[in-house]
Amino acid sequence: MLELNNINTFYGKVQSLWDVSLQINEGEIVALVGGNGAGKSTLLNTICRLILPASGSVTFLGRKTDGLSPHAIVELGISHVPESGRVFPELTVLENLEMGAFLSHAWKVKNETIKQVYELFPRLQERERQLARTLSGGERQMLAMGRGLMSRPKLCMFDEPSYGLAPNLVLEVFRIVRLLRDQGITILLVEQNVRHTLEVADRAYVLENGRMVLEGACCELAASDYVRKAYLGL
């Protein structure tokens, strides 16, 4: 579904990604793990063309994305849920969700999609008339995830969805990620919570200092001495 080949990305003169390649097949949950500053968010922003790569290629469903705008990437079927539960604070919960359905095909079925989002996140239905700035951190994260689903994506990229959440909400986020995959959405999951991530994903890539250093099935990486020592504290 998604293929990156030898991506090199810069911030000004500072290189942040070096020859990064990855592949995601339809129906998978693929994890991208690594510490702070590893380049994980930069990679997602490069896929979305919020940051343009200096070299390399991104292909989605057989089509290279060179020259496409960020909104055209969404139209192709890629949704990006950024870190920290970013929402429109002065809009209500319902208005935030509607903002995610701006594509014509998504707008036609937005009421159906909102219903599905409320089934995933019942708390959002309870809060639908509240301003987003009045929500708790966990509720804002739910809203950001729900808004990302409103475009009816084929591939959804979640950037640190469990960051800053209470332990019970962390487990709920990972349950929902797995449920979305079961509903037919392919997932690219960026997370620092490596233990839970390796439990829920099919395959994983390890990114360090802008370079891919490991990849493989999650069961294999979880058993790797390197991953156990560097990321699992074992």
Protein backbone atom coordinates (compact mmCIF):
# COMPACT_ATOMS: atom_id res chain seq x y z
CA MET A 1 0.00 0.00 0.00
CA LEU A 2 2.72 2.48 1.01
CA GLU A 3 6.36 2.33 0.00
CA LEU A 4 9.17 4.72 0.87
CA ASN A 5 12.49 4.39 -0.93
CA ASN A 6 15.69 6.11 0.25
CA ILE A 7 14.05 9.21 1.72
CA ASN A 8 16.41 12.04 2.69
CA THR A 9 14.87 15.02 4.45
CA PHE A 10 16.39 18.27 5.70
CA TYR A 11 15.41 21.15 7.96
CA GLY A 12 17.35 23.91 6.26
CA LYS A 13 20.91 22.60 6.07
CA VAL A 14 20.41 20.05 8.85
CA GLN A 15 19.62 16.53 7.64
CA SER A 16 17.01 14.70 9.70
CA LEU A 17 16.36 11.52 7.68
CA TRP A 18 19.00 9.42 5.94
CA ASP A 19 18.03 6.95 3.19
CA VAL A 20 14.88 5.83 5.00
CA SER A 21 12.88 3.05 3.38
CA LEU A 22 9.80 1.20 4.59
CA GLN A 23 6.86 -0.74 3.24
CA ILE A 24 3.32 -1.16 4.54
CA ASN A 25 0.96 -3.78 3.17
CA GLU A 26 -2.80 -3.41 3.14
CA GLY A 27 -4.44 -4.59 6.35
CA GLU A 28 -1.34 -4.32 8.53
CA ILE A 29 -0.54 -2.43 11.68
CA VAL A 30 3.05 -1.31 11.19
CA ALA A 31 4.84 0.39 14.07
CA LEU A 32 7.59 2.99 13.88
CA VAL A 33 9.41 3.19 17.20
CA GLY A 34 12.32 5.21 18.48
CA GLY A 35 13.26 7.79 21.07
CA ASN A 36 12.72 11.54 21.09
CA GLY A 37 14.39 13.22 18.14
CA ALA A 38 14.70 10.01 16.16
CA GLY A 39 12.82 11.51 13.19
CA LYS A 40 9.50 9.71 13.57
CA SER A 41 7.26 12.78 13.23
CA THR A 42 9.48 14.11 10.45
CA LEU A 43 8.88 10.89 8.53
CA LEU A 44 5.09 11.20 8.86
CA ASN A 45 5.24 14.85 7.79
CA THR A 46 7.32 13.82 4.78
CA ILE A 47 4.73 11.21 3.78
CA CYS A 48 2.05 13.92 4.02
CA ARG A 49 4.26 16.37 2.12
CA LEU A 50 4.14 18.90 4.92
CA ILE A 51 7.92 18.54 4.58
CA LEU A 52 9.34 17.87 1.13
CA PRO A 53 12.07 15.24 0.83
CA ALA A 54 15.35 16.26 -0.77
CA SER A 55 15.52 12.88 -2.49
CA GLY A 56 13.83 9.50 -2.54
CA SER A 57 10.29 8.52 -3.41
CA VAL A 58 6.95 7.87 -1.72
CA THR A 59 4.44 5.59 -3.48
CA PHE A 60 0.87 5.05 -2.30
CA LEU A 61 -1.37 2.47 -3.97
CA GLY A 62 1.00 2.36 -6.92
CA ARG A 63 1.11 6.13 -7.42
CA LYS A 64 4.12 8.31 -6.68
CA THR A 65 3.18 11.33 -4.61
CA ASP A 66 5.79 13.70 -6.06
CA GLY A 67 4.29 17.12 -6.69
CA LEU A 68 1.10 16.51 -4.72
CA SER A 69 -0.16 18.96 -2.11
CA PRO A 70 -0.94 17.86 1.46
CA HIS A 71 -4.69 17.99 0.81
CA ALA A 72 -4.23 15.82 -2.29
CA ILE A 73 -2.51 13.26 -0.07
CA VAL A 74 -5.64 13.16 2.08
CA GLU A 75 -7.75 12.72 -1.05
CA LEU A 76 -5.62 9.69 -1.97
CA GLY A 77 -6.67 8.08 1.30
CA ILE A 78 -3.98 8.94 3.87
CA SER A 79 -5.01 10.46 7.20
CA HIS A 80 -2.47 11.89 9.65
CA VAL A 81 -3.34 12.29 13.34
CA PRO A 82 -0.55 14.46 14.79
CA GLU A 83 0.86 14.11 18.27
CA SER A 84 -0.51 15.82 21.40
CA GLY A 85 -4.19 15.61 20.48
CA ARG A 86 -4.23 18.79 18.40
CA VAL A 87 -7.75 20.05 17.89
CA PHE A 88 -9.48 23.32 17.02
CA PRO A 89 -9.99 24.65 20.56
CA GLU A 90 -12.73 27.20 19.81
CA LEU A 91 -14.86 24.74 17.83
CA THR A 92 -17.19 22.21 19.39
CA VAL A 93 -16.53 18.49 19.32
CA LEU A 94 -19.03 18.07 16.50
CA GLU A 95 -17.54 20.94 14.50
CA ASN A 96 -14.06 19.45 14.90
CA LEU A 97 -15.31 16.16 13.50
CA GLU A 98 -16.99 17.91 10.58
CA MET A 99 -13.68 19.66 9.79
CA GLY A 100 -12.22 16.22 9.11
CA ALA A 101 -14.87 15.49 6.47
CA PHE A 102 -14.04 18.31 4.05
CA LEU A 103 -13.48 15.95 1.12
CA SER A 104 -16.56 15.74 -1.09
CA HIS A 105 -16.92 11.97 -0.82
CA ALA A 106 -16.47 12.13 2.97
CA TRP A 107 -18.95 15.01 3.39
CA LYS A 108 -21.68 13.02 1.68
CA VAL A 109 -21.47 10.32 4.36
CA LYS A 110 -20.33 12.46 7.30
CA ASN A 111 -23.38 11.69 9.44
CA GLU A 112 -22.75 7.97 9.05
CA THR A 113 -19.07 8.44 9.86
CA ILE A 114 -19.84 10.58 12.91
CA LYS A 115 -22.08 7.80 14.16
CA GLN A 116 -19.23 5.32 13.73
CA VAL A 117 -16.82 7.65 15.55
CA TYR A 118 -19.28 7.98 18.43
CA GLU A 119 -19.50 4.20 18.64
CA LEU A 120 -15.71 4.10 19.02
CA PHE A 121 -15.60 7.07 21.41
CA PRO A 122 -18.92 7.36 23.31
CA ARG A 123 -17.49 10.18 25.39
CA LEU A 124 -17.34 12.39 22.32
CA GLN A 125 -21.07 12.02 21.76
CA GLU A 126 -21.66 13.09 25.35
CA ARG A 127 -19.47 16.15 24.75
CA GLU A 128 -20.47 16.97 21.16
CA ARG A 129 -21.69 20.51 21.99
CA GLN A 130 -18.70 21.38 24.19
CA LEU A 131 -15.82 23.51 22.97
CA ALA A 132 -12.75 21.38 22.38
CA ARG A 133 -10.68 23.52 24.75
CA THR A 134 -12.85 22.35 27.66
CA LEU A 135 -12.02 18.67 27.10
CA SER A 136 -9.55 16.64 29.13
CA GLY A 137 -6.29 15.54 27.55
CA GLY A 138 -7.66 12.07 26.92
CA GLU A 139 -10.83 13.44 25.36
CA ARG A 140 -8.82 15.71 23.07
CA GLN A 141 -6.81 12.70 21.92
CA MET A 142 -10.02 10.81 21.20
CA LEU A 143 -11.29 13.81 19.25
CA ALA A 144 -8.09 14.06 17.20
CA MET A 145 -8.32 10.36 16.35
CA GLY A 146 -12.00 10.66 15.50
CA ARG A 147 -11.41 13.66 13.27
CA GLY A 148 -8.70 11.71 11.44
CA LEU A 149 -11.24 9.01 10.64
CA MET A 150 -13.76 11.45 9.18
CA SER A 151 -12.01 11.53 5.78
CA ARG A 152 -12.68 7.78 5.42
CA PRO A 153 -8.97 6.95 5.04
CA LYS A 154 -7.43 3.79 3.66
CA LEU A 155 -4.26 4.39 5.69
CA CYS A 156 -4.29 6.15 9.04
CA MET A 157 -1.04 7.40 10.59
CA PHE A 158 -1.16 7.94 14.34
CA ASP A 159 1.66 9.97 15.91
CA GLU A 160 2.11 9.16 19.63
CA PRO A 161 -1.61 8.58 20.34
CA SER A 162 -0.91 7.39 23.90
CA TYR A 163 1.37 10.27 24.89
CA GLY A 164 0.50 11.79 28.24
CA LEU A 165 -2.54 9.59 28.84
CA ALA A 166 -3.46 7.74 32.02
CA PRO A 167 -2.66 4.00 31.92
CA ASN A 168 -6.30 2.95 31.47
CA LEU A 169 -6.66 5.31 28.49
CA VAL A 170 -3.41 4.03 26.98
CA LEU A 171 -4.85 0.53 26.86
CA GLU A 172 -8.06 1.90 25.33
CA VAL A 173 -6.13 3.69 22.58
CA PHE A 174 -4.31 0.51 21.62
CA ARG A 175 -7.58 -1.44 21.68
CA ILE A 176 -9.10 1.06 19.26
CA VAL A 177 -6.08 0.91 16.95
CA ARG A 178 -6.51 -2.85 16.70
CA LEU A 179 -10.27 -2.46 16.17
CA LEU A 180 -9.71 0.00 13.31
CA ARG A 181 -7.45 -2.51 11.59
CA ASP A 182 -10.15 -5.14 11.99
CA GLN A 183 -12.55 -2.71 10.30
CA GLY A 184 -10.29 -2.49 7.25
CA ILE A 185 -8.06 0.53 7.93
CA THR A 186 -4.33 0.03 7.52
CA ILE A 187 -2.35 1.63 10.36
CA LEU A 188 1.06 3.25 10.66
CA LEU A 189 1.60 3.69 14.39
CA VAL A 190 4.34 5.95 15.75
CA GLU A 191 4.90 5.34 19.44
CA GLN A 192 7.42 5.61 22.27
CA ASN A 193 5.41 3.09 24.27
CA VAL A 194 7.33 0.24 22.71
CA ARG A 195 6.02 -2.55 24.91
CA HIS A 196 2.35 -2.04 24.03
CA THR A 197 3.18 -1.18 20.44
CA LEU A 198 4.97 -4.46 19.80
CA GLU A 199 2.01 -6.29 21.29
CA VAL A 200 -0.54 -4.70 18.96
CA ALA A 201 1.40 -4.31 15.68
CA ASP A 202 2.27 -6.89 13.03
CA ARG A 203 5.65 -5.51 12.02
CA ALA A 204 7.87 -2.72 13.25
CA TYR A 205 10.72 -0.47 12.19
CA VAL A 206 13.20 1.07 14.63
CA LEU A 207 14.34 4.59 13.74
CA GLU A 208 17.37 6.10 15.48
CA ASN A 209 18.94 9.45 14.67
CA GLY A 210 17.13 9.57 11.34
CA ARG A 211 18.22 6.11 10.21
CA MET A 212 16.41 2.79 10.12
CA VAL A 213 18.40 0.39 12.27
CA LEU A 214 16.06 -2.59 12.62
CA GLU A 215 12.91 -4.00 11.07
CA GLY A 216 10.94 -7.21 11.34
CA ALA A 217 7.97 -8.98 12.83
CA CYS A 218 7.07 -7.60 16.23
CA CYS A 219 7.52 -10.95 17.94
CA GLU A 220 11.08 -11.08 16.60
CA LEU A 221 11.92 -7.53 17.65
CA ALA A 222 10.43 -8.07 21.11
CA ALA A 223 12.83 -10.97 21.55
CA SER A 224 15.83 -9.00 20.24
CA ASP A 225 18.46 -8.32 22.89
CA TYR A 226 19.03 -4.87 21.41
CA VAL A 227 15.35 -3.87 21.59
CA ARG A 228 14.91 -5.41 25.04
CA LYS A 229 17.84 -3.44 26.41
CA ALA A 230 17.34 -0.14 24.55
CA TYR A 231 13.54 0.14 24.62
CA LEU A 232 12.03 -2.33 27.05
CA GLY A 233 14.42 -1.86 29.95
CA LEU A 234 15.14 -5.58 30.21
